Amino acid sequence: MKLSRISELLNCEVLAGFDRLEKEIESCMSSDMMSDVLAFANPGSLMLTGLTNSQSVRTAGIADAAAIVFLRGKRPEKQTIDLAEQLSIPLMCTELGMFEACGILYGEGLIGIC
């Protein structure tokens, strides 16, 4: 599924990576525990989290996540968005909670991990 489709499904605001929205996403992980992301992530997965600090972006970079969706209407600070741009990690935010966002993506055929 293309990142642009995920953005539509979750009614996301794109914060970084506008030029990478045609990237194909095959799996999704959702966690607010970055240790779980590091332990269970598949390269190229979409990461859903409520943590908006720079550590979430750094973790996504280490885990080779394709993009991050921040949940529950949370927005990162400018320095976090700038870091994502430097690391070429698209960032989006949605008002949806983790359960609902995961359910929508699962219903559309995206497989989950962790």
PDB file of N, CA and C in Angstrom:
ATOM      1  N   MET A   1       0.851  -1.161   0.000  1.00  0.00           N
ATOM      2  CA  MET A   1       0.000   0.000   0.000  1.00  0.00           C
ATOM      3  C   MET A   1       0.907   1.237   0.000  1.00  0.00           C
ATOM      4  N   LYS A   2       0.569   2.210  -0.792  1.00  0.00           N
ATOM      5  CA  LYS A   2       1.373   3.422  -0.860  1.00  0.00           C
ATOM      6  C   LYS A   2       1.158   4.287   0.380  1.00  0.00           C
ATOM      7  N   LEU A   3       2.209   4.983   0.750  1.00  0.00           N
ATOM      8  CA  LEU A   3       2.148   5.879   1.893  1.00  0.00           C
ATOM      9  C   LEU A   3       1.079   6.950   1.691  1.00  0.00           C
ATOM     10  N   SER A   4       0.876   7.385   0.469  1.00  0.00           N
ATOM     11  CA  SER A   4      -0.165   8.377   0.180  1.00  0.00           C
ATOM     12  C   SER A   4      -1.550   7.823   0.522  1.00  0.00           C
ATOM     13  N   ARG A   5      -1.778   6.542   0.254  1.00  0.00           N
ATOM     14  CA  ARG A   5      -3.065   5.905   0.593  1.00  0.00           C
ATOM     15  C   ARG A   5      -3.238   5.812   2.107  1.00  0.00           C
ATOM     16  N   ILE A   6      -2.158   5.475   2.796  1.00  0.00           N
ATOM     17  CA  ILE A   6      -2.207   5.421   4.261  1.00  0.00           C
ATOM     18  C   ILE A   6      -2.570   6.795   4.820  1.00  0.00           C
ATOM     19  N   SER A   7      -1.980   7.830   4.256  1.00  0.00           N
ATOM     20  CA  SER A   7      -2.272   9.189   4.681  1.00  0.00           C
ATOM     21  C   SER A   7      -3.755   9.513   4.499  1.00  0.00           C
ATOM     22  N   GLU A   8      -4.333   9.084   3.387  1.00  0.00           N
ATOM     23  CA  GLU A   8      -5.767   9.297   3.147  1.00  0.00           C
ATOM     24  C   GLU A   8      -6.617   8.523   4.147  1.00  0.00           C
ATOM     25  N   LEU A   9      -6.288   7.251   4.340  1.00  0.00           N
ATOM     26  CA  LEU A   9      -7.081   6.399   5.227  1.00  0.00           C
ATOM     27  C   LEU A   9      -7.114   6.911   6.659  1.00  0.00           C
ATOM     28  N   LEU A  10      -5.972   7.418   7.119  1.00  0.00           N
ATOM     29  CA  LEU A  10      -5.874   7.871   8.506  1.00  0.00           C
ATOM     30  C   LEU A  10      -6.104   9.372   8.654  1.00  0.00           C
ATOM     31  N   ASN A  11      -6.447  10.034   7.519  1.00  0.00           N
ATOM     32  CA  ASN A  11      -6.685  11.477   7.516  1.00  0.00           C
ATOM     33  C   ASN A  11      -5.491  12.213   8.140  1.00  0.00           C
ATOM     34  N   CYS A  12      -4.318  11.927   7.605  1.00  0.00           N
ATOM     35  CA  CYS A  12      -3.067  12.462   8.156  1.00  0.00           C
ATOM     36  C   CYS A  12      -2.725  13.831   7.588  1.00  0.00           C
ATOM     37  N   GLU A  13      -1.998  14.565   8.391  1.00  0.00           N
ATOM     38  CA  GLU A  13      -1.298  15.760   7.934  1.00  0.00           C
ATOM     39  C   GLU A  13       0.150  15.339   7.711  1.00  0.00           C
ATOM     40  N   VAL A  14       0.688  15.601   6.549  1.00  0.00           N
ATOM     41  CA  VAL A  14       2.072  15.254   6.248  1.00  0.00           C
ATOM     42  C   VAL A  14       2.967  16.387   6.755  1.00  0.00           C
ATOM     43  N   LEU A  15       3.953  16.026   7.582  1.00  0.00           N
ATOM     44  CA  LEU A  15       4.853  17.006   8.179  1.00  0.00           C
ATOM     45  C   LEU A  15       6.220  17.028   7.515  1.00  0.00           C
ATOM     46  N   ALA A  16       6.631  15.901   6.977  1.00  0.00           N
ATOM     47  CA  ALA A  16       7.952  15.775   6.333  1.00  0.00           C
ATOM     48  C   ALA A  16       7.880  14.638   5.326  1.00  0.00           C
ATOM     49  N   GLY A  17       8.690  14.733   4.283  1.00  0.00           N
ATOM     50  CA  GLY A  17       8.754  13.656   3.308  1.00  0.00           C
ATOM     51  C   GLY A  17       7.680  13.702   2.248  1.00  0.00           C
ATOM     52  N   PHE A  18       7.240  14.880   1.892  1.00  0.00           N
ATOM     53  CA  PHE A  18       6.204  15.025   0.864  1.00  0.00           C
ATOM     54  C   PHE A  18       6.592  14.331  -0.443  1.00  0.00           C
ATOM     55  N   ASP A  19       7.869  14.289  -0.714  1.00  0.00           N
ATOM     56  CA  ASP A  19       8.365  13.690  -1.959  1.00  0.00           C
ATOM     57  C   ASP A  19       8.494  12.169  -1.883  1.00  0.00           C
ATOM     58  N   ARG A  20       8.146  11.575  -0.741  1.00  0.00           N
ATOM     59  CA  ARG A  20       8.287  10.128  -0.581  1.00  0.00           C
ATOM     60  C   ARG A  20       6.945   9.429  -0.333  1.00  0.00           C
ATOM     61  N   LEU A  21       5.858  10.064  -0.687  1.00  0.00           N
ATOM     62  CA  LEU A  21       4.539   9.500  -0.407  1.00  0.00           C
ATOM     63  C   LEU A  21       4.149   8.365  -1.344  1.00  0.00           C
ATOM     64  N   GLU A  22       4.908   8.117  -2.375  1.00  0.00           N
ATOM     65  CA  GLU A  22       4.609   6.997  -3.273  1.00  0.00           C
ATOM     66  C   GLU A  22       5.345   5.727  -2.849  1.00  0.00           C
ATOM     67  N   LYS A  23       6.023   5.790  -1.727  1.00  0.00           N
ATOM     68  CA  LYS A  23       6.726   4.624  -1.185  1.00  0.00           C
ATOM     69  C   LYS A  23       5.733   3.526  -0.827  1.00  0.00           C
ATOM     70  N   GLU A  24       6.061   2.283  -1.168  1.00  0.00           N
ATOM     71  CA  GLU A  24       5.203   1.134  -0.856  1.00  0.00           C
ATOM     72  C   GLU A  24       5.471   0.645   0.568  1.00  0.00           C
ATOM     73  N   ILE A  25       4.405   0.410   1.308  1.00  0.00           N
ATOM     74  CA  ILE A  25       4.477  -0.074   2.679  1.00  0.00           C
ATOM     75  C   ILE A  25       3.804  -1.449   2.716  1.00  0.00           C
ATOM     76  N   GLU A  26       4.485  -2.423   3.294  1.00  0.00           N
ATOM     77  CA  GLU A  26       3.931  -3.777   3.363  1.00  0.00           C
ATOM     78  C   GLU A  26       3.532  -4.200   4.770  1.00  0.00           C
ATOM     79  N   SER A  27       4.108  -3.550   5.783  1.00  0.00           N
ATOM     80  CA  SER A  27       3.800  -3.937   7.161  1.00  0.00           C
ATOM     81  C   SER A  27       3.806  -2.717   8.062  1.00  0.00           C
ATOM     82  N   CYS A  28       3.238  -2.895   9.237  1.00  0.00           N
ATOM     83  CA  CYS A  28       3.065  -1.800  10.180  1.00  0.00           C
ATOM     84  C   CYS A  28       3.390  -2.273  11.588  1.00  0.00           C
ATOM     85  N   MET A  29       4.025  -1.420  12.359  1.00  0.00           N
ATOM     86  CA  MET A  29       4.275  -1.701  13.779  1.00  0.00           C
ATOM     87  C   MET A  29       3.733  -0.527  14.580  1.00  0.00           C
ATOM     88  N   SER A  30       3.207  -0.818  15.750  1.00  0.00           N
ATOM     89  CA  SER A  30       2.661   0.252  16.583  1.00  0.00           C
ATOM     90  C   SER A  30       3.130   0.056  18.010  1.00  0.00           C
ATOM     91  N   SER A  31       3.775   1.079  18.541  1.00  0.00           N
ATOM     92  CA  SER A  31       4.274   0.991  19.902  1.00  0.00           C
ATOM     93  C   SER A  31       4.703   2.355  20.389  1.00  0.00           C
ATOM     94  N   ASP A  32       4.559   2.570  21.676  1.00  0.00           N
ATOM     95  CA  ASP A  32       5.136   3.743  22.317  1.00  0.00           C
ATOM     96  C   ASP A  32       6.430   3.359  23.037  1.00  0.00           C
ATOM     97  N   MET A  33       6.797   2.096  22.956  1.00  0.00           N
ATOM     98  CA  MET A  33       8.047   1.613  23.549  1.00  0.00           C
ATOM     99  C   MET A  33       9.068   1.413  22.436  1.00  0.00           C
ATOM    100  N   MET A  34      10.041   2.294  22.388  1.00  0.00           N
ATOM    101  CA  MET A  34      11.021   2.239  21.310  1.00  0.00           C
ATOM    102  C   MET A  34      11.869   0.974  21.389  1.00  0.00           C
ATOM    103  N   SER A  35      11.996   0.388  22.564  1.00  0.00           N
ATOM    104  CA  SER A  35      12.729  -0.879  22.675  1.00  0.00           C
ATOM    105  C   SER A  35      11.997  -1.986  21.926  1.00  0.00           C
ATOM    106  N   ASP A  36      10.669  -1.972  21.932  1.00  0.00           N
ATOM    107  CA  ASP A  36       9.900  -2.955  21.161  1.00  0.00           C
ATOM    108  C   ASP A  36      10.086  -2.738  19.668  1.00  0.00           C
ATOM    109  N   VAL A  37      10.122  -1.491  19.246  1.00  0.00           N
ATOM    110  CA  VAL A  37      10.348  -1.190  17.832  1.00  0.00           C
ATOM    111  C   VAL A  37      11.694  -1.763  17.395  1.00  0.00           C
ATOM    112  N   LEU A  38      12.718  -1.528  18.193  1.00  0.00           N
ATOM    113  CA  LEU A  38      14.052  -2.034  17.851  1.00  0.00           C
ATOM    114  C   LEU A  38      14.101  -3.562  17.856  1.00  0.00           C
ATOM    115  N   ALA A  39      13.359  -4.173  18.748  1.00  0.00           N
ATOM    116  CA  ALA A  39      13.397  -5.635  18.877  1.00  0.00           C
ATOM    117  C   ALA A  39      12.605  -6.355  17.788  1.00  0.00           C
ATOM    118  N   PHE A  40      11.511  -5.765  17.324  1.00  0.00           N
ATOM    119  CA  PHE A  40      10.590  -6.504  16.468  1.00  0.00           C
ATOM    120  C   PHE A  40      10.371  -5.928  15.071  1.00  0.00           C
ATOM    121  N   ALA A  41      10.937  -4.791  14.777  1.00  0.00           N
ATOM    122  CA  ALA A  41      10.655  -4.117  13.505  1.00  0.00           C
ATOM    123  C   ALA A  41      11.187  -4.874  12.300  1.00  0.00           C
ATOM    124  N   ASN A  42      10.424  -4.810  11.223  1.00  0.00           N
ATOM    125  CA  ASN A  42      10.891  -5.273   9.918  1.00  0.00           C
ATOM    126  C   ASN A  42      11.335  -4.041   9.133  1.00  0.00           C
ATOM    127  N   PRO A  43      12.447  -4.120   8.427  1.00  0.00           N
ATOM    128  CA  PRO A  43      12.852  -2.974   7.606  1.00  0.00           C
ATOM    129  C   PRO A  43      11.736  -2.590   6.628  1.00  0.00           C
ATOM    130  N   GLY A  44      11.514  -1.299   6.485  1.00  0.00           N
ATOM    131  CA  GLY A  44      10.502  -0.812   5.556  1.00  0.00           C
ATOM    132  C   GLY A  44       9.103  -0.734   6.124  1.00  0.00           C
ATOM    133  N   SER A  45       8.942  -1.031   7.411  1.00  0.00           N
ATOM    134  CA  SER A  45       7.624  -0.975   8.037  1.00  0.00           C
ATOM    135  C   SER A  45       7.218   0.447   8.363  1.00  0.00           C
ATOM    136  N   LEU A  46       5.928   0.662   8.437  1.00  0.00           N
ATOM    137  CA  LEU A  46       5.370   1.908   8.926  1.00  0.00           C
ATOM    138  C   LEU A  46       5.371   1.845  10.444  1.00  0.00           C
ATOM    139  N   MET A  47       5.741   2.932  11.098  1.00  0.00           N
ATOM    140  CA  MET A  47       5.766   2.988  12.558  1.00  0.00           C
ATOM    141  C   MET A  47       4.679   3.934  13.046  1.00  0.00           C
ATOM    142  N   LEU A  48       3.782   3.444  13.889  1.00  0.00           N
ATOM    143  CA  LEU A  48       2.753   4.264  14.515  1.00  0.00           C
ATOM    144  C   LEU A  48       3.110   4.432  15.974  1.00  0.00           C
ATOM    145  N   THR A  49       3.114   5.676  16.453  1.00  0.00           N
ATOM    146  CA  THR A  49       3.485   5.928  17.838  1.00  0.00           C
ATOM    147  C   THR A  49       2.890   7.240  18.328  1.00  0.00           C
ATOM    148  N   GLY A  50       2.798   7.361  19.625  1.00  0.00           N
ATOM    149  CA  GLY A  50       2.383   8.607  20.249  1.00  0.00           C
ATOM    150  C   GLY A  50       3.563   9.419  20.755  1.00  0.00           C
ATOM    151  N   LEU A  51       4.765   8.887  20.591  1.00  0.00           N
ATOM    152  CA  LEU A  51       5.962   9.586  21.066  1.00  0.00           C
ATOM    153  C   LEU A  51       6.490  10.512  19.984  1.00  0.00           C
ATOM    154  N   THR A  52       6.541  11.789  20.270  1.00  0.00           N
ATOM    155  CA  THR A  52       6.902  12.768  19.253  1.00  0.00           C
ATOM    156  C   THR A  52       8.301  13.347  19.429  1.00  0.00           C
ATOM    157  N   ASN A  53       9.096  12.787  20.294  1.00  0.00           N
ATOM    158  CA  ASN A  53      10.438  13.338  20.495  1.00  0.00           C
ATOM    159  C   ASN A  53      11.412  12.831  19.425  1.00  0.00           C
ATOM    160  N   SER A  54      12.606  13.386  19.429  1.00  0.00           N
ATOM    161  CA  SER A  54      13.596  13.012  18.419  1.00  0.00           C
ATOM    162  C   SER A  54      14.017  11.550  18.536  1.00  0.00           C
ATOM    163  N   GLN A  55      13.862  10.963  19.727  1.00  0.00           N
ATOM    164  CA  GLN A  55      14.239   9.553  19.893  1.00  0.00           C
ATOM    165  C   GLN A  55      13.371   8.632  19.035  1.00  0.00           C
ATOM    166  N   SER A  56      12.127   9.003  18.814  1.00  0.00           N
ATOM    167  CA  SER A  56      11.273   8.176  17.954  1.00  0.00           C
ATOM    168  C   SER A  56      11.794   8.189  16.520  1.00  0.00           C
ATOM    169  N   VAL A  57      12.275   9.337  16.066  1.00  0.00           N
ATOM    170  CA  VAL A  57      12.830   9.431  14.714  1.00  0.00           C
ATOM    171  C   VAL A  57      14.157   8.693  14.632  1.00  0.00           C
ATOM    172  N   ARG A  58      14.989   8.829  15.643  1.00  0.00           N
ATOM    173  CA  ARG A  58      16.266   8.104  15.666  1.00  0.00           C
ATOM    174  C   ARG A  58      16.027   6.588  15.692  1.00  0.00           C
ATOM    175  N   THR A  59      15.054   6.169  16.468  1.00  0.00           N
ATOM    176  CA  THR A  59      14.712   4.740  16.528  1.00  0.00           C
ATOM    177  C   THR A  59      14.230   4.256  15.172  1.00  0.00           C
ATOM    178  N   ALA A  60      13.386   5.034  14.523  1.00  0.00           N
ATOM    179  CA  ALA A  60      12.902   4.671  13.183  1.00  0.00           C
ATOM    180  C   ALA A  60      14.068   4.549  12.210  1.00  0.00           C
ATOM    181  N   GLY A  61      15.034   5.429  12.337  1.00  0.00           N
ATOM    182  CA  GLY A  61      16.208   5.363  11.472  1.00  0.00           C
ATOM    183  C   GLY A  61      17.016   4.098  11.692  1.00  0.00           C
ATOM    184  N   ILE A  62      17.224   3.735  12.941  1.00  0.00           N
ATOM    185  CA  ILE A  62      17.965   2.514  13.272  1.00  0.00           C
ATOM    186  C   ILE A  62      17.203   1.281  12.806  1.00  0.00           C
ATOM    187  N   ALA A  63      15.879   1.299  12.991  1.00  0.00           N
ATOM    188  CA  ALA A  63      15.040   0.151  12.627  1.00  0.00           C
ATOM    189  C   ALA A  63      14.734   0.119  11.131  1.00  0.00           C
ATOM    190  N   ASP A  64      15.176   1.113  10.393  1.00  0.00           N
ATOM    191  CA  ASP A  64      14.924   1.231   8.960  1.00  0.00           C
ATOM    192  C   ASP A  64      13.421   1.278   8.659  1.00  0.00           C
ATOM    193  N   ALA A  65      12.694   2.031   9.486  1.00  0.00           N
ATOM    194  CA  ALA A  65      11.261   2.224   9.254  1.00  0.00           C
ATOM    195  C   ALA A  65      11.067   3.093   8.021  1.00  0.00           C
ATOM    196  N   ALA A  66       9.995   2.832   7.293  1.00  0.00           N
ATOM    197  CA  ALA A  66       9.707   3.587   6.068  1.00  0.00           C
ATOM    198  C   ALA A  66       9.151   4.972   6.367  1.00  0.00           C
ATOM    199  N   ALA A  67       8.393   5.101   7.453  1.00  0.00           N
ATOM    200  CA  ALA A  67       7.743   6.366   7.794  1.00  0.00           C
ATOM    201  C   ALA A  67       7.196   6.260   9.215  1.00  0.00           C
ATOM    202  N   ILE A  68       6.827   7.409   9.770  1.00  0.00           N
ATOM    203  CA  ILE A  68       6.226   7.461  11.107  1.00  0.00           C
ATOM    204  C   ILE A  68       4.896   8.195  11.020  1.00  0.00           C
ATOM    205  N   VAL A  69       3.892   7.639  11.706  1.00  0.00           N
ATOM    206  CA  VAL A  69       2.624   8.337  11.911  1.00  0.00           C
ATOM    207  C   VAL A  69       2.490   8.588  13.405  1.00  0.00           C
ATOM    208  N   PHE A  70       2.394   9.864  13.782  1.00  0.00           N
ATOM    209  CA  PHE A  70       2.168  10.222  15.172  1.00  0.00           C
ATOM    210  C   PHE A  70       0.666  10.219  15.428  1.00  0.00           C
ATOM    211  N   LEU A  71       0.267   9.623  16.533  1.00  0.00           N
ATOM    212  CA  LEU A  71      -1.137   9.379  16.853  1.00  0.00           C
ATOM    213  C   LEU A  71      -1.698  10.378  17.853  1.00  0.00           C
ATOM    214  N   ARG A  72      -2.996  10.314  18.033  1.00  0.00           N
ATOM    215  CA  ARG A  72      -3.726  11.061  19.057  1.00  0.00           C
ATOM    216  C   ARG A  72      -3.544  12.581  18.946  1.00  0.00           C
ATOM    217  N   GLY A  73      -3.346  13.069  17.717  1.00  0.00           N
ATOM    218  CA  GLY A  73      -3.228  14.503  17.499  1.00  0.00           C
ATOM    219  C   GLY A  73      -1.926  15.113  17.973  1.00  0.00           C
ATOM    220  N   LYS A  74      -0.967  14.289  18.318  1.00  0.00           N
ATOM    221  CA  LYS A  74       0.317  14.811  18.799  1.00  0.00           C
ATOM    222  C   LYS A  74       1.179  15.260  17.625  1.00  0.00           C
ATOM    223  N   ARG A  75       1.928  16.338  17.855  1.00  0.00           N
ATOM    224  CA  ARG A  75       2.791  16.906  16.818  1.00  0.00           C
ATOM    225  C   ARG A  75       4.201  17.071  17.376  1.00  0.00           C
ATOM    226  N   PRO A  76       5.197  16.714  16.588  1.00  0.00           N
ATOM    227  CA  PRO A  76       6.577  16.875  17.046  1.00  0.00           C
ATOM    228  C   PRO A  76       7.037  18.328  16.936  1.00  0.00           C
ATOM    229  N   GLU A  77       8.115  18.623  17.652  1.00  0.00           N
ATOM    230  CA  GLU A  77       8.735  19.945  17.555  1.00  0.00           C
ATOM    231  C   GLU A  77       9.478  20.061  16.227  1.00  0.00           C
ATOM    232  N   LYS A  78       9.816  21.284  15.857  1.00  0.00           N
ATOM    233  CA  LYS A  78      10.485  21.543  14.591  1.00  0.00           C
ATOM    234  C   LYS A  78      11.799  20.777  14.468  1.00  0.00           C
ATOM    235  N   GLN A  79      12.561  20.676  15.542  1.00  0.00           N
ATOM    236  CA  GLN A  79      13.848  19.973  15.471  1.00  0.00           C
ATOM    237  C   GLN A  79      13.655  18.492  15.149  1.00  0.00           C
ATOM    238  N   THR A  80      12.558  17.909  15.587  1.00  0.00           N
ATOM    239  CA  THR A  80      12.261  16.505  15.280  1.00  0.00           C
ATOM    240  C   THR A  80      11.890  16.360  13.807  1.00  0.00           C
ATOM    241  N   ILE A  81      11.121  17.297  13.289  1.00  0.00           N
ATOM    242  CA  ILE A  81      10.769  17.286  11.864  1.00  0.00           C
ATOM    243  C   ILE A  81      12.020  17.467  11.012  1.00  0.00           C
ATOM    244  N   ASP A  82      12.886  18.383  11.429  1.00  0.00           N
ATOM    245  CA  ASP A  82      14.147  18.606  10.703  1.00  0.00           C
ATOM    246  C   ASP A  82      15.007  17.345  10.694  1.00  0.00           C
ATOM    247  N   LEU A  83      15.080  16.644  11.810  1.00  0.00           N
ATOM    248  CA  LEU A  83      15.845  15.400  11.886  1.00  0.00           C
ATOM    249  C   LEU A  83      15.272  14.360  10.929  1.00  0.00           C
ATOM    250  N   ALA A  84      13.953  14.256  10.880  1.00  0.00           N
ATOM    251  CA  ALA A  84      13.312  13.304   9.967  1.00  0.00           C
ATOM    252  C   ALA A  84      13.663  13.633   8.517  1.00  0.00           C
ATOM    253  N   GLU A  85      13.682  14.903   8.177  1.00  0.00           N
ATOM    254  CA  GLU A  85      14.071  15.311   6.824  1.00  0.00           C
ATOM    255  C   GLU A  85      15.517  14.901   6.532  1.00  0.00           C
ATOM    256  N   GLN A  86      16.403  15.118   7.498  1.00  0.00           N
ATOM    257  CA  GLN A  86      17.811  14.735   7.330  1.00  0.00           C
ATOM    258  C   GLN A  86      17.963  13.236   7.116  1.00  0.00           C
ATOM    259  N   LEU A  87      17.139  12.451   7.820  1.00  0.00           N
ATOM    260  CA  LEU A  87      17.215  10.993   7.729  1.00  0.00           C
ATOM    261  C   LEU A  87      16.305  10.416   6.641  1.00  0.00           C
ATOM    262  N   SER A  88      15.627  11.287   5.900  1.00  0.00           N
ATOM    263  CA  SER A  88      14.700  10.878   4.826  1.00  0.00           C
ATOM    264  C   SER A  88      13.589   9.970   5.329  1.00  0.00           C
ATOM    265  N   ILE A  89      13.029  10.317   6.476  1.00  0.00           N
ATOM    266  CA  ILE A  89      11.917   9.557   7.055  1.00  0.00           C
ATOM    267  C   ILE A  89      10.659  10.424   6.987  1.00  0.00           C
ATOM    268  N   PRO A  90       9.671  10.037   6.197  1.00  0.00           N
ATOM    269  CA  PRO A  90       8.421  10.793   6.161  1.00  0.00           C
ATOM    270  C   PRO A  90       7.727  10.782   7.522  1.00  0.00           C
ATOM    271  N   LEU A  91       7.156  11.922   7.886  1.00  0.00           N
ATOM    272  CA  LEU A  91       6.401  12.063   9.136  1.00  0.00           C
ATOM    273  C   LEU A  91       4.992  12.515   8.819  1.00  0.00           C
ATOM    274  N   MET A  92       4.028  11.906   9.509  1.00  0.00           N
ATOM    275  CA  MET A  92       2.637  12.311   9.380  1.00  0.00           C
ATOM    276  C   MET A  92       2.014  12.297  10.767  1.00  0.00           C
ATOM    277  N   CYS A  93       0.915  13.004  10.943  1.00  0.00           N
ATOM    278  CA  CYS A  93       0.188  12.924  12.209  1.00  0.00           C
ATOM    279  C   CYS A  93      -1.302  12.780  11.921  1.00  0.00           C
ATOM    280  N   THR A  94      -1.964  12.102  12.849  1.00  0.00           N
ATOM    281  CA  THR A  94      -3.398  11.868  12.735  1.00  0.00           C
ATOM    282  C   THR A  94      -4.048  12.078  14.102  1.00  0.00           C
ATOM    283  N   GLU A  95      -5.317  12.392  14.091  1.00  0.00           N
ATOM    284  CA  GLU A  95      -6.082  12.534  15.328  1.00  0.00           C
ATOM    285  C   GLU A  95      -6.479  11.168  15.906  1.00  0.00           C
ATOM    286  N   LEU A  96      -6.382  10.128  15.098  1.00  0.00           N
ATOM    287  CA  LEU A  96      -6.807   8.800  15.528  1.00  0.00           C
ATOM    288  C   LEU A  96      -5.916   8.244  16.635  1.00  0.00           C
ATOM    289  N   GLY A  97      -6.492   7.378  17.445  1.00  0.00           N
ATOM    290  CA  GLY A  97      -5.724   6.646  18.443  1.00  0.00           C
ATOM    291  C   GLY A  97      -5.084   5.415  17.815  1.00  0.00           C
ATOM    292  N   MET A  98      -4.241   4.752  18.573  1.00  0.00           N
ATOM    293  CA  MET A  98      -3.500   3.610  18.055  1.00  0.00           C
ATOM    294  C   MET A  98      -4.428   2.465  17.639  1.00  0.00           C
ATOM    295  N   PHE A  99      -5.403   2.147  18.463  1.00  0.00           N
ATOM    296  CA  PHE A  99      -6.307   1.032  18.173  1.00  0.00           C
ATOM    297  C   PHE A  99      -7.060   1.262  16.870  1.00  0.00           C
ATOM    298  N   GLU A 100      -7.629   2.428  16.718  1.00  0.00           N
ATOM    299  CA  GLU A 100      -8.416   2.723  15.522  1.00  0.00           C
ATOM    300  C   GLU A 100      -7.536   2.776  14.267  1.00  0.00           C
ATOM    301  N   ALA A 101      -6.383   3.428  14.371  1.00  0.00           N
ATOM    302  CA  ALA A 101      -5.474   3.514  13.220  1.00  0.00           C
ATOM    303  C   ALA A 101      -5.026   2.127  12.771  1.00  0.00           C
ATOM    304  N   CYS A 102      -4.654   1.294  13.727  1.00  0.00           N
ATOM    305  CA  CYS A 102      -4.233  -0.072  13.387  1.00  0.00           C
ATOM    306  C   CYS A 102      -5.375  -0.855  12.759  1.00  0.00           C
ATOM    307  N   GLY A 103      -6.579  -0.693  13.300  1.00  0.00           N
ATOM    308  CA  GLY A 103      -7.734  -1.398  12.756  1.00  0.00           C
ATOM    309  C   GLY A 103      -8.029  -1.011  11.323  1.00  0.00           C
ATOM    310  N   ILE A 104      -7.935   0.262  11.021  1.00  0.00           N
ATOM    311  CA  ILE A 104      -8.169   0.743   9.656  1.00  0.00           C
ATOM    312  C   ILE A 104      -7.145   0.142   8.704  1.00  0.00           C
ATOM    313  N   LEU A 105      -5.878   0.204   9.085  1.00  0.00           N
ATOM    314  CA  LEU A 105      -4.814  -0.310   8.212  1.00  0.00           C
ATOM    315  C   LEU A 105      -4.913  -1.822   8.048  1.00  0.00           C
ATOM    316  N   TYR A 106      -5.238  -2.531   9.108  1.00  0.00           N
ATOM    317  CA  TYR A 106      -5.413  -3.975   9.036  1.00  0.00           C
ATOM    318  C   TYR A 106      -6.585  -4.320   8.115  1.00  0.00           C
ATOM    319  N   GLY A 107      -7.661  -3.572   8.240  1.00  0.00           N
ATOM    320  CA  GLY A 107      -8.834  -3.786   7.403  1.00  0.00           C
ATOM    321  C   GLY A 107      -8.564  -3.562   5.926  1.00  0.00           C
ATOM    322  N   GLU A 108      -7.560  -2.758   5.623  1.00  0.00           N
ATOM    323  CA  GLU A 108      -7.178  -2.483   4.241  1.00  0.00           C
ATOM    324  C   GLU A 108      -6.090  -3.427   3.745  1.00  0.00           C
ATOM    325  N   GLY A 109      -5.702  -4.409   4.586  1.00  0.00           N
ATOM    326  CA  GLY A 109      -4.770  -5.442   4.136  1.00  0.00           C
ATOM    327  C   GLY A 109      -3.324  -5.272   4.566  1.00  0.00           C
ATOM    328  N   LEU A 110      -3.006  -4.246   5.339  1.00  0.00           N
ATOM    329  CA  LEU A 110      -1.637  -4.087   5.809  1.00  0.00           C
ATOM    330  C   LEU A 110      -1.386  -5.056   6.958  1.00  0.00           C
ATOM    331  N   ILE A 111      -0.289  -5.789   6.917  1.00  0.00           N
ATOM    332  CA  ILE A 111      -0.007  -6.748   7.973  1.00  0.00           C
ATOM    333  C   ILE A 111       0.689  -6.057   9.132  1.00  0.00           C
ATOM    334  N   GLY A 112       0.472  -6.566  10.323  1.00  0.00           N
ATOM    335  CA  GLY A 112       1.066  -5.983  11.518  1.00  0.00           C
ATOM    336  C   GLY A 112       2.208  -6.808  12.066  1.00  0.00           C
ATOM    337  N   ILE A 113       3.109  -6.112  12.714  1.00  0.00           N
ATOM    338  CA  ILE A 113       4.186  -6.748  13.457  1.00  0.00           C
ATOM    339  C   ILE A 113       4.248  -6.102  14.825  1.00  0.00           C
ATOM    340  N   CYS A 114       4.795  -6.777  15.796  1.00  0.00           N
ATOM    341  CA  CYS A 114       4.910  -6.398  17.211  1.00  0.00           C
ATOM    342  C   CYS A 114       3.652  -5.910  17.797  1.00  0.00           C
TER     343      CYS A 114
END
